[in-house]
C-alpha cells in the first residue's frame, strides 16, 4: 500500500515538474542565469572583443567605484532624483485619486485623461517633452506669457535633471493613481460616517481616516517608485544623446553602467560591479522603507 502511494506521489510530482519545465527553463535562461553571470563578471576583468578572457580581480572593481568621479556624480544625481520624484509622484497620485473618488461630474472622463500619460511610450513622451522644453518651445512661451523667467531646459546643467523629474512625475503619477483609486473604493463608508458624528470636517476625515487606511497601499507605491526611479535610464539617455550631459547633470547610475558596458572597452566587469552595487542599494532602500512602514498588509 505504501509503495503504491509513493509511486503515485512521485508520478504526480513528476507530472507537475514536467508542466512547469517550460516556465522554469525560461526563468533560468533569462532571469536567474543572467543574474548569476553578472555577479560572476563583477569579480573579473573582462575582455569580450578579440580573444575572450576573464581575469579574476576580486573586489578591485568595487574598490574602483570609490575613486570614480563620474560614479559619484551619477550616484548623487540618482539619489537626488529618487528623493524628489518618489514623494512627489506618491502625493500627486493620492491627490488625483481622492479627487476622482469624490464623486465629481465627469469622473470617468477625467479618469481617462489622467491615465493617458501612462499609456504613452517612454521614448515618445521624452521626445514630446524635449520639443516642449526647447528654448522656443511651448513651456518657455507659457512662462514668458505669465511674466515668469524662461530657462534653457535642455542645456543648463542646473535645470536639465529637474526637467526630467517634472516629466516623470507627470507621467508616472497616473499609474499609482489607479492603485490608490481602487484602494479608496474599498474603504468602508461607516468609517467616514463615524468621523462625521465626531464632528470631523473633510480635511480631518482625509487625514485621520483615508491616509491611515491607505498606509499599506502607500508602502507598495513607495517601494515600486523606489525601484523604478533608481533605474532611470531611457529619459536621461534620450535627453543627453547618451552622454549624461550637459556637464554630467543627467548622468544616472544605470546610464553610467551602459556607458562602461557598451561604450568603453575592457570595463564590462566594472559595469557589472556597478550594477551589483545598484541592486544592493535598491534592496537596502526597499528594506528600510518596509521597516519604517507600520503596516505591511491590507486591512
Protein backbone atom coordinates (compact mmCIF):
# COMPACT_ATOMS: atom_id res chain seq x y z
CA UNK A 1 0.00 0.00 0.00
CA UNK A 2 2.80 2.41 0.95
CA UNK A 3 4.69 1.57 -2.25
CA UNK A 4 1.60 2.35 -4.31
CA UNK A 5 1.14 5.71 -2.56
CA UNK A 6 4.84 6.53 -3.03
CA UNK A 7 4.72 5.71 -6.74
CA UNK A 8 1.57 7.81 -7.13
CA UNK A 9 3.20 10.72 -5.30
CA UNK A 10 6.33 10.55 -7.46
CA UNK A 11 4.19 10.30 -10.60
CA UNK A 12 2.18 13.39 -9.63
CA UNK A 13 5.34 15.30 -8.68
CA UNK A 14 6.99 14.34 -11.97
CA UNK A 15 3.94 15.44 -13.94
CA UNK A 16 3.88 18.77 -12.10
CA UNK A 17 7.53 19.49 -12.85
CA UNK A 18 7.02 18.40 -16.46
CA UNK A 19 4.31 21.02 -16.90
CA UNK A 20 6.43 23.59 -15.04
CA UNK A 21 9.56 22.86 -17.08
CA UNK A 22 8.92 25.43 -19.88
CA UNK A 23 8.43 28.23 -17.33
CA UNK A 24 11.40 27.04 -15.25
CA UNK A 25 13.57 26.92 -18.37
CA UNK A 26 12.65 30.49 -19.34
CA UNK A 27 13.19 31.65 -15.74
CA UNK A 28 16.61 30.01 -15.62
CA UNK A 29 17.69 31.19 -19.06
CA UNK A 30 16.52 34.81 -18.99
CA UNK A 31 16.45 35.77 -15.29
CA UNK A 32 18.47 33.58 -12.94
CA UNK A 33 21.21 32.84 -15.49
CA UNK A 34 21.95 36.49 -16.38
CA UNK A 35 21.93 37.48 -12.69
CA UNK A 36 24.47 34.79 -11.81
CA UNK A 37 26.61 35.69 -14.84
CA UNK A 38 26.51 39.41 -13.93
CA UNK A 39 27.70 38.61 -10.40
CA UNK A 40 30.48 36.50 -11.93
CA UNK A 41 31.53 39.38 -14.20
CA UNK A 42 31.61 41.80 -11.26
CA UNK A 43 34.63 39.98 -9.83
CA UNK A 44 36.55 39.73 -13.12
CA UNK A 45 38.30 41.90 -15.66
CA UNK A 46 36.50 41.02 -18.85
CA UNK A 47 37.72 41.14 -22.43
CA UNK A 48 34.98 40.32 -24.94
CA UNK A 49 36.45 41.63 -28.21
CA UNK A 50 39.01 39.52 -29.98
CA UNK A 51 40.09 36.79 -27.60
CA UNK A 52 37.53 36.45 -24.83
CA UNK A 53 39.15 36.37 -21.40
CA UNK A 54 38.07 36.57 -17.77
CA UNK A 55 40.73 37.60 -15.26
CA UNK A 56 39.73 37.29 -11.61
CA UNK A 57 40.37 40.58 -9.78
CA UNK A 58 38.46 40.03 -6.56
CA UNK A 59 37.00 43.24 -5.13
CA UNK A 60 39.06 45.57 -7.34
CA UNK A 61 36.04 46.53 -9.44
CA UNK A 62 34.12 47.53 -6.31
CA UNK A 63 37.08 49.43 -4.87
CA UNK A 64 37.32 51.35 -8.13
CA UNK A 65 33.84 52.80 -7.56
CA UNK A 66 35.12 54.87 -4.61
CA UNK A 67 37.75 56.53 -6.84
CA UNK A 68 35.47 57.10 -9.85
CA UNK A 69 34.37 60.75 -10.00
CA UNK A 70 31.69 60.08 -12.61
CA UNK A 71 30.27 57.26 -10.46
CA UNK A 72 29.94 59.69 -7.55
CA UNK A 73 28.21 62.24 -9.78
CA UNK A 74 25.86 59.57 -11.15
CA UNK A 75 25.07 58.35 -7.63
CA UNK A 76 24.33 61.88 -6.42
CA UNK A 77 22.09 62.60 -9.42
CA UNK A 78 20.23 59.32 -8.90
CA UNK A 79 19.74 59.86 -5.16
CA UNK A 80 18.52 63.42 -5.74
CA UNK A 81 16.15 62.18 -8.42
CA UNK A 82 14.78 59.44 -6.14
CA UNK A 83 14.42 61.75 -3.13
CA UNK A 84 12.32 64.26 -5.11
CA UNK A 85 10.37 62.13 -7.58
CA UNK A 86 9.13 59.35 -5.24
CA UNK A 87 7.43 61.64 -2.67
CA UNK A 88 6.05 63.97 -5.35
CA UNK A 89 4.56 61.23 -7.53
CA UNK A 90 3.11 59.48 -4.46
CA UNK A 91 1.43 62.65 -3.14
CA UNK A 92 0.17 63.65 -6.59
CA UNK A 93 -1.22 60.15 -7.20
CA UNK A 94 -3.08 60.23 -3.88
CA UNK A 95 -4.49 63.71 -4.53
CA UNK A 96 -5.67 62.75 -8.03
CA UNK A 97 -7.25 59.54 -6.73
CA UNK A 98 -9.02 61.35 -3.89
CA UNK A 99 -10.32 63.94 -6.36
CA UNK A 100 -11.71 61.27 -8.69
CA UNK A 101 -13.21 59.38 -5.77
CA UNK A 102 -15.12 62.45 -4.56
CA UNK A 103 -17.98 61.82 -6.99
CA UNK A 104 -17.46 64.91 -9.16
CA UNK A 105 -19.16 65.33 -12.52
CA UNK A 106 -17.27 63.89 -15.48
CA UNK A 107 -15.38 61.46 -13.27
CA UNK A 108 -14.99 58.79 -15.98
CA UNK A 109 -13.74 61.36 -18.48
CA UNK A 110 -11.09 62.64 -16.09
CA UNK A 111 -10.01 59.09 -15.26
CA UNK A 112 -9.21 58.55 -18.91
CA UNK A 113 -7.49 61.93 -19.30
CA UNK A 114 -5.36 61.45 -16.19
CA UNK A 115 -4.31 57.94 -17.22
CA UNK A 116 -3.30 58.83 -20.80
CA UNK A 117 0.34 59.74 -19.96
CA UNK A 118 0.92 56.22 -18.60
CA UNK A 119 -0.17 54.71 -21.93
CA UNK A 120 2.36 56.76 -23.89
CA UNK A 121 5.70 55.20 -24.77
CA UNK A 122 8.54 56.50 -22.62
CA UNK A 123 10.66 57.34 -25.66
CA UNK A 124 7.81 59.17 -27.42
CA UNK A 125 6.94 61.02 -24.22
CA UNK A 126 10.56 62.13 -23.82
CA UNK A 127 10.72 63.43 -27.39
CA UNK A 128 7.47 65.37 -26.88
CA UNK A 129 8.82 66.98 -23.73
CA UNK A 130 12.12 67.78 -25.44
CA UNK A 131 10.14 69.72 -28.04
CA UNK A 132 8.21 71.47 -25.25
CA UNK A 133 11.45 72.17 -23.33
CA UNK A 134 13.12 73.77 -26.34
CA UNK A 135 14.19 77.37 -25.76
CA UNK A 136 11.50 78.43 -28.22
CA UNK A 137 9.15 75.69 -27.08
CA UNK A 138 5.71 75.67 -25.50
CA UNK A 139 6.79 75.80 -21.84
CA UNK A 140 9.01 78.86 -22.25
CA UNK A 141 6.27 80.61 -24.23
CA UNK A 142 3.81 79.95 -21.38
CA UNK A 143 6.30 81.15 -18.76
CA UNK A 144 7.02 84.27 -20.78
CA UNK A 145 3.31 84.96 -21.25
CA UNK A 146 2.68 84.99 -17.50
CA UNK A 147 5.78 87.08 -16.77
CA UNK A 148 7.98 84.32 -15.35
CA UNK A 149 11.64 83.73 -16.31
CA UNK A 150 12.38 81.23 -19.08
CA UNK A 151 15.01 78.51 -18.93
CA UNK A 152 17.34 76.55 -21.15
CA UNK A 153 15.76 73.28 -20.04
CA UNK A 154 17.98 71.03 -22.15
CA UNK A 155 21.29 72.90 -22.00
CA UNK A 156 21.53 74.28 -18.47
CA UNK A 157 23.19 71.83 -16.01
CA UNK A 158 21.23 73.36 -13.13
CA UNK A 159 17.88 72.71 -14.79
CA UNK A 160 18.25 69.59 -17.00
CA UNK A 161 17.68 66.97 -14.28
CA UNK A 162 14.75 68.96 -12.91
CA UNK A 163 13.19 68.86 -16.37
CA UNK A 164 13.37 65.05 -16.34
CA UNK A 165 11.90 64.99 -12.82
CA UNK A 166 8.88 67.07 -13.88
CA UNK A 167 8.28 64.85 -16.89
CA UNK A 168 8.47 61.61 -14.89
CA UNK A 169 6.29 62.84 -12.04
CA UNK A 170 3.65 63.82 -14.58
CA UNK A 171 3.87 60.51 -16.45
CA UNK A 172 4.11 58.02 -13.55
CA UNK A 173 1.66 59.51 -11.03
CA UNK A 174 -1.43 58.35 -13.02
CA UNK A 175 -0.34 54.71 -12.76
CA UNK A 176 -0.17 54.91 -8.97
CA UNK A 177 -3.38 56.97 -9.01
CA UNK A 178 -5.25 53.91 -10.32
CA UNK A 179 -3.86 51.80 -7.46
CA UNK A 180 -4.92 54.40 -4.91
CA UNK A 181 -8.33 54.76 -6.54
CA UNK A 182 -9.00 51.03 -6.21
CA UNK A 183 -8.00 51.14 -2.54
CA UNK A 184 -10.12 54.23 -1.85
CA UNK A 185 -13.23 52.48 -3.12
CA UNK A 186 -12.58 49.69 -0.61
CA UNK A 187 -12.72 52.00 2.43
CA UNK A 188 -15.99 51.35 4.36
CA UNK A 189 -18.40 54.30 4.41
CA UNK A 190 -19.04 53.54 8.08
CA UNK A 191 -15.60 54.96 8.95
CA UNK A 192 -16.46 58.32 7.38
CA UNK A 193 -19.90 58.30 9.00
CA UNK A 194 -18.32 57.70 12.41
CA UNK A 195 -15.87 60.55 11.79
CA UNK A 196 -18.75 62.87 10.84
CA UNK A 197 -20.55 62.00 14.08
CA UNK A 198 -17.39 63.03 15.92
CA UNK A 199 -17.51 66.40 14.14
CA UNK A 200 -14.67 65.82 11.64
CA UNK A 201 -14.53 68.07 8.59
CA UNK A 202 -13.44 66.96 5.09
CA UNK A 203 -9.72 67.51 5.73
CA UNK A 204 -9.81 65.70 9.09
CA UNK A 205 -11.60 62.73 7.52
CA UNK A 206 -8.99 62.57 4.79
CA UNK A 207 -6.03 62.88 7.19
CA UNK A 208 -7.30 60.66 10.01
CA UNK A 209 -9.32 58.07 8.07
CA UNK A 210 -8.22 57.89 4.44
CA UNK A 211 -4.45 58.26 4.85
CA UNK A 212 -4.06 55.69 7.68
CA UNK A 213 -6.27 53.18 5.87
CA UNK A 214 -4.17 53.56 2.72
CA UNK A 215 -0.86 53.06 4.52
CA UNK A 216 -0.29 49.52 3.10
CA UNK A 217 -1.02 50.80 -0.42
CA UNK A 218 1.30 53.75 0.13
CA UNK A 219 4.01 51.32 1.20
CA UNK A 220 3.57 49.41 -2.06
CA UNK A 221 3.53 52.62 -4.13
CA UNK A 222 6.72 53.91 -2.48
CA UNK A 223 8.55 50.59 -2.97
CA UNK A 224 7.59 50.46 -6.65
CA UNK A 225 8.56 54.11 -7.01
CA UNK A 226 11.98 53.47 -5.43
CA UNK A 227 12.67 50.53 -7.74
CA UNK A 228 11.61 52.48 -10.82
CA UNK A 229 13.40 55.75 -10.05
CA UNK A 230 16.68 54.10 -9.12
CA UNK A 231 16.66 52.57 -12.63
CA UNK A 232 16.21 55.81 -14.55
CA UNK A 233 17.83 55.35 -17.97
CA UNK A 234 15.83 55.96 -21.13
CA UNK A 235 14.78 59.55 -20.46
CA UNK A 236 18.28 60.53 -19.39
CA UNK A 237 19.76 58.75 -22.42
CA UNK A 238 17.43 60.47 -24.91
CA UNK A 239 17.73 63.90 -23.26
CA UNK A 240 21.54 63.82 -23.40
CA UNK A 241 22.04 61.63 -26.50
CA UNK A 242 23.68 59.05 -24.25
CA UNK A 243 26.30 61.37 -22.75
CA UNK A 244 24.62 62.24 -19.44
CA UNK A 245 25.12 65.92 -20.18
CA UNK A 246 25.11 68.81 -20.01
CA UNK A 247 28.14 68.61 -17.73
CA UNK A 248 27.06 65.20 -16.36
CA UNK A 249 23.93 66.78 -14.87
CA UNK A 250 21.64 64.00 -16.18
CA UNK A 251 24.12 61.16 -15.68
CA UNK A 252 22.48 58.37 -13.67
CA UNK A 253 23.88 55.10 -12.35
CA UNK A 254 22.14 52.99 -15.00
CA UNK A 255 23.29 55.29 -17.80
CA UNK A 256 26.85 55.08 -16.44
CA UNK A 257 26.58 51.28 -16.39
CA UNK A 258 25.52 51.36 -20.03
CA UNK A 259 28.43 53.60 -20.97
CA UNK A 260 31.01 51.39 -19.24
CA UNK A 261 29.47 48.17 -20.56
CA UNK A 262 28.97 49.09 -24.21
CA UNK A 263 30.95 52.26 -24.99
CA UNK A 264 34.23 51.70 -23.14
CA UNK A 265 36.38 48.68 -23.98
CA UNK A 266 37.55 46.42 -21.18
CA UNK A 267 35.20 47.74 -18.48
CA UNK A 268 32.38 45.19 -18.68
CA UNK A 269 33.42 43.77 -15.30
CA UNK A 270 33.37 47.23 -13.73
CA UNK A 271 29.93 47.87 -15.23
CA UNK A 272 28.71 44.61 -13.68
CA UNK A 273 30.12 45.71 -10.31
CA UNK A 274 28.21 48.99 -10.60
CA UNK A 275 25.03 47.07 -11.46
CA UNK A 276 25.56 44.77 -8.48
CA UNK A 277 26.10 47.78 -6.19
CA UNK A 278 22.93 49.42 -7.55
CA UNK A 279 20.93 46.24 -6.86
CA UNK A 280 22.20 46.25 -3.25
CA UNK A 281 21.22 49.94 -2.92
CA UNK A 282 17.69 49.25 -4.17
CA UNK A 283 17.39 46.27 -1.80
CA UNK A 284 18.56 48.34 1.18
CA UNK A 285 16.23 51.23 0.31
CA UNK A 286 13.29 48.83 -0.03
CA UNK A 287 14.05 47.09 3.27
CA UNK A 288 14.39 50.43 5.05
CA UNK A 289 11.09 51.62 3.66
CA UNK A 290 9.37 48.43 4.81
CA UNK A 291 10.97 48.76 8.22
CA UNK A 292 9.75 52.33 8.59
CA UNK A 293 6.26 51.43 7.43
CA UNK A 294 3.94 50.45 10.27
CA UNK A 295 1.67 48.35 8.09
CA UNK A 296 2.56 45.60 5.63
CA UNK A 297 -0.82 44.06 4.91
CA UNK A 298 -4.19 45.33 3.83
CA UNK A 299 -6.89 45.60 6.43
